[in-house]
Amino acid sequence: MMIHLASTINFLNLDNQEDGTVAGEGLSAIETFTYFFAAPTVLFILISVITYAMTGDRKKSKSSDSAITSIE
């Protein structure tokens, strides 16, 4: 029974790979952190800052004040 189960598991592992594929080296913990956490976070913050800078509220200059809203 165990031999049959082991051969079935081995067959399933080989069946999932495409022809000619060879697994590469694994990622280190630092590479994993950089690729899947740090880089997306930095990109998100960068895009957010650029978007805010392009569409954010701007301070109005004093020369554009209306006579109704300010007394000279």
N, C-alpha and C. Protein backbone atom coordinates (compact mmCIF):
# COMPACT_ATOMS: atom_id res chain seq x y z
N MET A 1 0.83 -1.20 0.00
CA MET A 1 0.00 0.00 0.00
C MET A 1 0.87 1.26 0.00
N MET A 2 1.89 1.32 0.85
CA MET A 2 2.77 2.49 0.95
C MET A 2 3.56 2.70 -0.34
N ILE A 3 4.00 1.61 -0.95
CA ILE A 3 4.76 1.72 -2.20
C ILE A 3 3.86 2.27 -3.31
N HIS A 4 2.63 1.81 -3.35
CA HIS A 4 1.69 2.30 -4.35
C HIS A 4 1.41 3.79 -4.14
N LEU A 5 1.24 4.20 -2.90
CA LEU A 5 0.99 5.60 -2.58
C LEU A 5 2.20 6.47 -2.93
N ALA A 6 3.41 6.00 -2.63
CA ALA A 6 4.63 6.74 -2.93
C ALA A 6 4.81 6.88 -4.45
N SER A 7 4.53 5.83 -5.20
CA SER A 7 4.68 5.92 -6.66
C SER A 7 3.64 6.86 -7.26
N THR A 8 2.46 6.91 -6.69
CA THR A 8 1.42 7.83 -7.16
C THR A 8 1.84 9.28 -6.91
N ILE A 9 2.38 9.55 -5.72
CA ILE A 9 2.84 10.91 -5.40
C ILE A 9 3.97 11.31 -6.33
N ASN A 10 4.91 10.40 -6.58
CA ASN A 10 6.02 10.68 -7.47
C ASN A 10 5.52 10.96 -8.89
N PHE A 11 4.54 10.21 -9.35
CA PHE A 11 3.97 10.43 -10.68
C PHE A 11 3.29 11.80 -10.77
N LEU A 12 2.57 12.20 -9.72
CA LEU A 12 1.89 13.49 -9.73
C LEU A 12 2.91 14.64 -9.78
N ASN A 13 4.03 14.51 -9.07
CA ASN A 13 5.06 15.55 -9.09
C ASN A 13 5.67 15.68 -10.48
N LEU A 14 5.90 14.58 -11.15
CA LEU A 14 6.49 14.63 -12.48
C LEU A 14 5.47 15.09 -13.52
N ASP A 15 4.20 14.81 -13.28
CA ASP A 15 3.16 15.15 -14.23
C ASP A 15 2.90 16.66 -14.28
N ASN A 16 3.17 17.38 -13.19
CA ASN A 16 2.88 18.81 -13.13
C ASN A 16 3.91 19.66 -13.87
N GLN A 17 5.08 19.13 -14.17
CA GLN A 17 6.10 19.91 -14.85
C GLN A 17 5.95 19.79 -16.36
N GLU A 18 6.25 20.90 -17.04
CA GLU A 18 6.21 20.89 -18.49
C GLU A 18 7.48 20.25 -19.02
N ASP A 19 7.44 19.83 -20.25
CA ASP A 19 8.62 19.21 -20.86
C ASP A 19 9.75 20.22 -20.98
N GLY A 20 10.94 19.81 -20.60
CA GLY A 20 12.13 20.64 -20.74
C GLY A 20 12.34 21.67 -19.65
N THR A 21 11.49 21.70 -18.63
CA THR A 21 11.68 22.68 -17.56
C THR A 21 12.60 22.12 -16.50
N VAL A 22 13.46 22.99 -16.00
CA VAL A 22 14.36 22.63 -14.92
C VAL A 22 14.22 23.69 -13.85
N ALA A 23 13.99 23.27 -12.63
CA ALA A 23 13.82 24.23 -11.54
C ALA A 23 15.13 24.97 -11.28
N GLY A 24 15.03 26.26 -11.05
CA GLY A 24 16.20 27.08 -10.76
C GLY A 24 16.49 27.11 -9.27
N GLU A 25 17.43 27.98 -8.91
CA GLU A 25 17.78 28.12 -7.50
C GLU A 25 16.65 28.83 -6.77
N GLY A 26 16.52 28.54 -5.50
CA GLY A 26 15.52 29.21 -4.68
C GLY A 26 15.98 30.61 -4.30
N LEU A 27 15.04 31.44 -3.83
CA LEU A 27 15.37 32.79 -3.40
C LEU A 27 15.77 32.79 -1.94
N SER A 28 16.71 33.67 -1.60
CA SER A 28 17.08 33.82 -0.20
C SER A 28 15.99 34.64 0.50
N ALA A 29 16.07 34.73 1.81
CA ALA A 29 15.08 35.49 2.57
C ALA A 29 15.14 36.97 2.21
N ILE A 30 16.33 37.50 2.00
CA ILE A 30 16.48 38.92 1.66
C ILE A 30 15.90 39.19 0.27
N GLU A 31 16.17 38.30 -0.69
CA GLU A 31 15.62 38.47 -2.03
C GLU A 31 14.10 38.38 -2.01
N THR A 32 13.56 37.45 -1.25
CA THR A 32 12.11 37.31 -1.14
C THR A 32 11.50 38.57 -0.56
N PHE A 33 12.09 39.09 0.52
CA PHE A 33 11.60 40.33 1.14
C PHE A 33 11.66 41.49 0.15
N THR A 34 12.77 41.59 -0.57
CA THR A 34 12.95 42.70 -1.51
C THR A 34 11.95 42.61 -2.66
N TYR A 35 11.81 41.46 -3.27
CA TYR A 35 10.96 41.31 -4.44
C TYR A 35 9.47 41.40 -4.12
N PHE A 36 9.05 40.85 -2.99
CA PHE A 36 7.62 40.72 -2.72
C PHE A 36 7.09 41.67 -1.67
N PHE A 37 7.95 42.41 -0.97
CA PHE A 37 7.47 43.39 0.01
C PHE A 37 8.05 44.78 -0.24
N ALA A 38 9.35 44.91 -0.25
CA ALA A 38 9.99 46.23 -0.34
C ALA A 38 9.71 46.90 -1.68
N ALA A 39 9.96 46.22 -2.77
CA ALA A 39 9.78 46.82 -4.09
C ALA A 39 8.32 47.24 -4.34
N PRO A 40 7.32 46.40 -4.08
CA PRO A 40 5.94 46.86 -4.29
C PRO A 40 5.56 48.02 -3.36
N THR A 41 6.05 48.01 -2.12
CA THR A 41 5.74 49.10 -1.20
C THR A 41 6.34 50.41 -1.68
N VAL A 42 7.59 50.38 -2.12
CA VAL A 42 8.25 51.59 -2.63
C VAL A 42 7.54 52.09 -3.88
N LEU A 43 7.17 51.21 -4.78
CA LEU A 43 6.45 51.61 -5.98
C LEU A 43 5.10 52.23 -5.65
N PHE A 44 4.38 51.65 -4.70
CA PHE A 44 3.09 52.19 -4.29
C PHE A 44 3.24 53.59 -3.72
N ILE A 45 4.23 53.78 -2.84
CA ILE A 45 4.44 55.10 -2.24
C ILE A 45 4.86 56.11 -3.31
N LEU A 46 5.74 55.72 -4.21
CA LEU A 46 6.20 56.61 -5.27
C LEU A 46 5.03 57.03 -6.17
N ILE A 47 4.20 56.10 -6.57
CA ILE A 47 3.05 56.42 -7.42
C ILE A 47 2.06 57.30 -6.66
N SER A 48 1.86 57.04 -5.37
CA SER A 48 0.95 57.86 -4.56
C SER A 48 1.45 59.29 -4.44
N VAL A 49 2.75 59.47 -4.21
CA VAL A 49 3.31 60.82 -4.08
C VAL A 49 3.21 61.57 -5.41
N ILE A 50 3.52 60.91 -6.50
CA ILE A 50 3.42 61.56 -7.81
C ILE A 50 1.97 61.95 -8.11
N THR A 51 1.03 61.07 -7.80
CA THR A 51 -0.38 61.35 -8.04
C THR A 51 -0.86 62.51 -7.18
N TYR A 52 -0.46 62.52 -5.91
CA TYR A 52 -0.86 63.62 -5.02
C TYR A 52 -0.26 64.94 -5.49
N ALA A 53 1.00 64.91 -5.93
CA ALA A 53 1.65 66.13 -6.40
C ALA A 53 0.97 66.68 -7.64
N MET A 54 0.46 65.82 -8.47
CA MET A 54 -0.19 66.27 -9.71
C MET A 54 -1.63 66.74 -9.47
N THR A 55 -2.32 66.18 -8.47
CA THR A 55 -3.74 66.48 -8.30
C THR A 55 -4.08 67.07 -6.94
N GLY A 56 -3.11 67.22 -6.05
CA GLY A 56 -3.38 67.69 -4.69
C GLY A 56 -3.80 69.15 -4.65
N ASP A 57 -4.33 69.57 -3.49
CA ASP A 57 -4.74 70.95 -3.30
C ASP A 57 -3.51 71.86 -3.34
N ARG A 58 -3.69 73.00 -3.97
CA ARG A 58 -2.60 73.97 -4.05
C ARG A 58 -3.00 75.21 -3.26
N LYS A 59 -2.02 75.84 -2.63
CA LYS A 59 -2.29 77.08 -1.90
C LYS A 59 -2.54 78.20 -2.91
N LYS A 60 -3.54 79.01 -2.61
CA LYS A 60 -3.85 80.11 -3.51
C LYS A 60 -2.98 81.30 -3.16
N SER A 61 -2.55 82.00 -4.17
CA SER A 61 -1.72 83.18 -3.92
C SER A 61 -2.60 84.33 -3.44
N LYS A 62 -1.98 85.31 -2.77
CA LYS A 62 -2.73 86.43 -2.20
C LYS A 62 -3.29 87.36 -3.28
N SER A 63 -2.68 87.37 -4.43
CA SER A 63 -3.14 88.28 -5.48
C SER A 63 -4.48 87.87 -6.07
N SER A 64 -4.89 86.64 -5.85
CA SER A 64 -6.16 86.18 -6.42
C SER A 64 -7.31 86.27 -5.42
N ASP A 65 -7.07 86.89 -4.25
CA ASP A 65 -8.16 87.03 -3.28
C ASP A 65 -9.24 87.97 -3.82
N SER A 66 -10.43 87.65 -3.47
CA SER A 66 -11.56 88.47 -3.89
C SER A 66 -11.75 89.63 -2.91
N ALA A 67 -12.35 90.70 -3.35
CA ALA A 67 -12.65 91.84 -2.49
C ALA A 67 -13.70 91.46 -1.47
N ILE A 68 -14.46 90.43 -1.75
CA ILE A 68 -15.50 90.00 -0.83
C ILE A 68 -14.93 89.22 0.35
N THR A 69 -13.87 88.46 0.11
CA THR A 69 -13.33 87.59 1.16
C THR A 69 -12.19 88.21 1.94
N SER A 70 -11.65 89.35 1.52
CA SER A 70 -10.55 89.96 2.26
C SER A 70 -10.69 91.48 2.28
N ILE A 71 -10.20 92.09 3.37
CA ILE A 71 -10.26 93.54 3.51
C ILE A 71 -8.84 94.06 3.38
N GLU A 72 -8.65 95.07 2.54
CA GLU A 72 -7.32 95.65 2.35
C GLU A 72 -7.19 96.94 3.11
